[in-house]
Every structure is written in structure tokens, then in C-alpha cells.
N, C-alpha and C. Protein backbone atom coordinates (compact mmCIF):
# COMPACT_ATOMS: atom_id res chain seq x y z
N MET A 1 -48.92 -26.25 8.18
CA MET A 1 -49.23 -25.13 7.46
C MET A 1 -49.43 -25.18 6.11
N ALA A 2 -50.65 -24.64 5.60
CA ALA A 2 -50.74 -24.75 4.14
C ALA A 2 -49.85 -23.61 3.38
N LYS A 3 -49.28 -23.98 2.29
CA LYS A 3 -48.49 -22.86 1.54
C LYS A 3 -49.36 -21.96 0.81
N LYS A 4 -49.02 -20.70 0.68
CA LYS A 4 -49.77 -19.70 0.07
C LYS A 4 -49.45 -19.91 -1.56
N ALA A 5 -50.33 -20.02 -2.40
CA ALA A 5 -49.91 -19.94 -3.76
C ALA A 5 -49.35 -18.64 -3.99
N ALA A 6 -48.14 -18.84 -5.07
CA ALA A 6 -47.81 -17.72 -5.36
C ALA A 6 -48.51 -16.89 -6.29
N LYS A 7 -48.65 -15.43 -6.20
CA LYS A 7 -49.32 -14.46 -7.24
C LYS A 7 -48.76 -14.41 -8.55
N VAL A 8 -49.57 -15.03 -9.55
CA VAL A 8 -49.04 -14.90 -10.74
C VAL A 8 -49.47 -13.42 -11.41
N PRO A 9 -48.24 -12.76 -11.99
CA PRO A 9 -48.09 -11.31 -12.28
C PRO A 9 -49.17 -11.44 -13.56
N SER A 10 -49.77 -10.03 -13.58
CA SER A 10 -50.48 -9.71 -14.77
C SER A 10 -49.62 -9.61 -15.96
N PHE A 11 -50.02 -9.69 -17.21
CA PHE A 11 -49.33 -9.38 -18.39
C PHE A 11 -48.65 -7.93 -18.36
N GLU A 12 -49.16 -7.10 -17.82
CA GLU A 12 -48.72 -5.76 -17.97
C GLU A 12 -47.26 -5.69 -16.90
N GLU A 13 -47.66 -6.64 -15.80
CA GLU A 13 -46.43 -6.68 -14.81
C GLU A 13 -45.23 -7.50 -15.30
N THR A 14 -45.60 -8.44 -16.09
CA THR A 14 -45.00 -9.30 -16.85
C THR A 14 -43.97 -8.34 -17.76
N LEU A 15 -44.70 -7.74 -18.49
CA LEU A 15 -43.88 -6.88 -19.73
C LEU A 15 -43.20 -5.88 -19.27
N GLY A 16 -43.34 -5.31 -17.86
CA GLY A 16 -42.94 -4.33 -17.42
C GLY A 16 -41.67 -4.69 -16.92
N GLU A 17 -41.42 -5.94 -16.03
CA GLU A 17 -40.36 -6.66 -15.71
C GLU A 17 -39.15 -6.85 -16.94
N LEU A 18 -40.01 -7.40 -17.78
CA LEU A 18 -39.18 -7.87 -19.31
C LEU A 18 -38.58 -6.64 -19.84
N GLU A 19 -39.18 -5.56 -19.80
CA GLU A 19 -38.60 -4.40 -20.35
C GLU A 19 -37.31 -3.81 -19.25
N SER A 20 -37.50 -3.99 -18.16
CA SER A 20 -36.59 -3.56 -17.00
C SER A 20 -35.14 -4.55 -17.06
N ILE A 21 -35.50 -5.77 -17.34
CA ILE A 21 -34.50 -6.65 -17.64
C ILE A 21 -33.60 -6.33 -19.03
N VAL A 22 -34.43 -5.96 -20.05
CA VAL A 22 -33.90 -5.85 -21.17
C VAL A 22 -32.82 -4.16 -21.18
N GLY A 23 -33.38 -3.55 -20.25
CA GLY A 23 -32.49 -2.22 -20.13
C GLY A 23 -31.38 -2.39 -19.40
N ARG A 24 -31.51 -3.44 -18.36
CA ARG A 24 -30.13 -3.78 -17.53
C ARG A 24 -29.26 -4.40 -18.48
N LEU A 25 -29.55 -5.27 -19.44
CA LEU A 25 -28.82 -6.24 -20.19
C LEU A 25 -28.20 -5.09 -21.41
N GLU A 26 -28.90 -4.18 -21.55
CA GLU A 26 -28.33 -3.19 -22.79
C GLU A 26 -27.42 -1.98 -22.20
N SER A 27 -27.43 -2.10 -20.79
CA SER A 27 -26.55 -1.03 -19.87
C SER A 27 -25.20 -1.50 -20.20
N GLY A 28 -24.85 -2.84 -20.32
CA GLY A 28 -23.60 -3.30 -20.29
C GLY A 28 -23.01 -3.31 -19.20
N GLY A 29 -23.45 -2.93 -17.83
CA GLY A 29 -22.67 -2.89 -16.66
C GLY A 29 -22.76 -4.15 -15.89
N LEU A 30 -23.58 -5.37 -16.36
CA LEU A 30 -23.59 -6.49 -15.90
C LEU A 30 -22.27 -7.39 -15.95
N SER A 31 -21.97 -8.25 -15.13
CA SER A 31 -20.86 -9.24 -15.23
C SER A 31 -21.41 -10.38 -16.14
N LEU A 32 -20.76 -11.17 -16.57
CA LEU A 32 -21.39 -12.38 -17.39
C LEU A 32 -22.18 -13.13 -16.55
N ASP A 33 -22.09 -13.51 -15.12
CA ASP A 33 -22.80 -14.28 -14.67
C ASP A 33 -24.20 -13.53 -14.20
N GLU A 34 -24.19 -12.23 -14.07
CA GLU A 34 -25.33 -11.45 -13.83
C GLU A 34 -26.25 -11.35 -15.00
N ALA A 35 -25.51 -11.28 -16.29
CA ALA A 35 -26.18 -11.06 -17.59
C ALA A 35 -26.93 -12.36 -17.73
N LEU A 36 -26.26 -13.63 -17.50
CA LEU A 36 -26.72 -14.72 -17.80
C LEU A 36 -28.16 -14.82 -17.13
N SER A 37 -28.16 -14.55 -15.78
CA SER A 37 -29.23 -14.76 -14.75
C SER A 37 -30.24 -13.92 -15.14
N GLU A 38 -29.84 -12.70 -15.68
CA GLU A 38 -30.89 -11.85 -16.04
C GLU A 38 -31.58 -12.23 -17.40
N PHE A 39 -30.80 -12.78 -18.39
CA PHE A 39 -31.29 -13.36 -19.61
C PHE A 39 -32.23 -14.72 -19.16
N GLU A 40 -31.86 -15.31 -18.33
CA GLU A 40 -32.57 -16.70 -18.07
C GLU A 40 -34.06 -16.02 -17.52
N GLN A 41 -33.96 -15.09 -16.65
CA GLN A 41 -35.02 -14.71 -16.03
C GLN A 41 -35.98 -13.87 -17.06
N GLY A 42 -35.20 -13.24 -18.08
CA GLY A 42 -36.19 -12.78 -19.17
C GLY A 42 -36.73 -13.88 -20.20
N ILE A 43 -36.12 -14.91 -20.67
CA ILE A 43 -36.70 -16.12 -21.11
C ILE A 43 -37.85 -16.44 -20.43
N LYS A 44 -37.87 -16.74 -19.14
CA LYS A 44 -39.08 -17.23 -18.18
C LYS A 44 -40.18 -16.10 -18.59
N LEU A 45 -39.96 -14.98 -18.18
CA LEU A 45 -40.78 -13.86 -18.44
C LEU A 45 -41.38 -13.93 -19.84
N ALA A 46 -40.77 -14.05 -20.99
CA ALA A 46 -41.08 -13.95 -22.29
C ALA A 46 -42.30 -15.17 -22.54
N ARG A 47 -41.89 -16.40 -22.00
CA ARG A 47 -42.61 -17.46 -22.27
C ARG A 47 -43.89 -17.32 -21.38
N GLN A 48 -43.75 -16.98 -20.25
CA GLN A 48 -45.09 -16.56 -19.35
C GLN A 48 -45.96 -15.41 -20.25
N GLY A 49 -45.31 -14.57 -20.39
CA GLY A 49 -46.09 -13.56 -21.44
C GLY A 49 -46.75 -14.17 -22.55
N GLN A 50 -46.13 -15.15 -23.10
CA GLN A 50 -46.75 -15.52 -24.43
C GLN A 50 -47.83 -16.51 -24.20
N GLN A 51 -47.86 -17.43 -22.90
CA GLN A 51 -48.90 -17.81 -22.43
C GLN A 51 -50.03 -17.26 -22.15
N GLN A 52 -49.88 -16.06 -21.53
CA GLN A 52 -51.01 -15.24 -21.09
C GLN A 52 -51.63 -14.67 -22.58
N LEU A 53 -50.81 -14.37 -23.44
CA LEU A 53 -51.52 -14.01 -24.78
C LEU A 53 -52.12 -15.14 -25.37
N GLN A 54 -51.56 -16.15 -25.30
CA GLN A 54 -52.48 -17.45 -25.99
C GLN A 54 -53.67 -17.59 -25.19
N HIS A 55 -53.61 -17.53 -23.76
CA HIS A 55 -54.92 -17.83 -23.12
C HIS A 55 -55.91 -16.69 -23.34
N ALA A 56 -55.53 -15.55 -23.56
CA ALA A 56 -56.42 -14.46 -23.96
C ALA A 56 -57.12 -14.71 -25.28
N GLU A 57 -56.17 -14.96 -26.34
CA GLU A 57 -56.59 -15.32 -27.56
C GLU A 57 -57.68 -16.37 -27.39
N GLN A 58 -57.39 -17.53 -26.58
CA GLN A 58 -58.57 -18.49 -26.73
C GLN A 58 -59.80 -17.97 -26.04
N ARG A 59 -59.48 -17.15 -25.05
CA ARG A 59 -61.04 -16.64 -24.35
C ARG A 59 -61.72 -15.95 -25.47
N VAL A 60 -61.11 -14.81 -26.29
CA VAL A 60 -61.84 -14.34 -27.31
C VAL A 60 -62.41 -15.19 -28.44
N GLN A 61 -61.82 -16.41 -28.69
CA GLN A 61 -62.43 -17.28 -29.76
C GLN A 61 -63.47 -17.96 -29.11
N ILE A 62 -63.63 -18.10 -27.83
CA ILE A 62 -64.62 -18.80 -27.11
C ILE A 62 -65.92 -17.89 -27.06
N LEU A 63 -65.55 -16.63 -26.82
CA LEU A 63 -66.44 -15.61 -26.78
C LEU A 63 -67.08 -15.45 -28.16
N LEU A 64 -66.39 -15.49 -29.20
CA LEU A 64 -66.81 -15.06 -30.63
C LEU A 64 -67.79 -16.37 -30.96
N ASN A 65 -67.34 -17.44 -30.49
CA ASN A 65 -67.96 -18.80 -31.14
C ASN A 65 -69.36 -18.90 -30.11
N GLU A 66 -69.36 -18.32 -29.28
CA GLU A 66 -70.64 -18.68 -28.29
C GLU A 66 -71.81 -18.11 -28.90
N ASN A 67 -71.71 -17.14 -29.77
CA ASN A 67 -72.97 -16.64 -30.56
C ASN A 67 -72.39 -16.13 -32.03
N ALA A 68 -71.97 -17.16 -32.58
CA ALA A 68 -71.48 -17.07 -34.11
C ALA A 68 -72.60 -16.40 -34.92
N GLU A 69 -73.76 -16.43 -34.80
CA GLU A 69 -74.81 -15.81 -35.58
C GLU A 69 -74.94 -14.21 -35.10
N ALA A 70 -74.30 -13.71 -34.15
CA ALA A 70 -74.49 -12.32 -33.71
C ALA A 70 -73.63 -11.30 -34.73
N GLU A 71 -74.25 -10.35 -35.08
CA GLU A 71 -73.87 -9.21 -36.04
C GLU A 71 -72.64 -8.51 -35.26
N LEU A 72 -71.40 -8.43 -35.75
CA LEU A 72 -70.58 -7.60 -35.40
C LEU A 72 -70.85 -6.14 -35.74
N ALA A 73 -70.45 -5.33 -34.97
CA ALA A 73 -70.58 -3.80 -35.27
C ALA A 73 -69.13 -2.92 -34.91
N SER A 74 -68.93 -2.00 -35.71
CA SER A 74 -67.83 -1.27 -35.51
C SER A 74 -68.13 -0.52 -34.16
N PHE A 75 -67.06 0.01 -33.43
CA PHE A 75 -66.87 0.75 -32.37
C PHE A 75 -66.97 2.14 -32.60
N ASP A 76 -67.92 3.06 -32.39
CA ASP A 76 -67.73 4.41 -32.48
C ASP A 76 -67.99 5.21 -31.49
N ASP A 77 -67.04 5.71 -30.66
CA ASP A 77 -67.07 6.53 -29.42
C ASP A 77 -67.67 7.93 -29.40
N GLU A 78 -67.98 8.53 -30.73
CA GLU A 78 -68.32 9.70 -31.07
C GLU A 78 -69.68 9.62 -30.77
N ASP A 79 -70.31 8.69 -30.35
CA ASP A 79 -71.92 8.78 -30.20
C ASP A 79 -72.21 9.07 -28.83
N ASP A 80 -71.13 9.01 -27.87
CA ASP A 80 -71.53 9.36 -26.45
C ASP A 80 -71.60 11.16 -26.20
């Protein structure tokens, strides 16, 4: 049987879980082992979020470079 690929959480999901971990760590109610485990998971999530942001930045740069001659205009939503 083929293994299913693990779903990669969105940036927002990653950030939400990281915020939850920070809250649990700040509560002070965890044992040392639990706190270290939470901290380790937080580091993994922070790195994952950083990678997601770098990927998004690369995508934006690619899009901007595809038509470097195009004039950029400011967004004004009051025209609607």
C-alpha cells in the first residue's frame, strides 16, 4: 500500500499553532520535559513558517520580473 503524503499546513495554520505553543509556554504550567517538547515543536514551526514566507517572496519576485516593463499602479478600492 502506498503511503499518503502528509498535508503541509498553510502559513496561517502554522502561525496559529505557533501562537498556541507560545501561550502554553507562557502559562508556566508545563513540566521541564513538556516545555522542551513544546519549544522543539515551536522551533520546527518557526522554521517552516520562514520557509513558507521565503517561498512566497520568491513567487512575488518571479511575478514582478515576468513583466518588468509593466507600470505599477497604486490600489484604490474607492473606485468601486
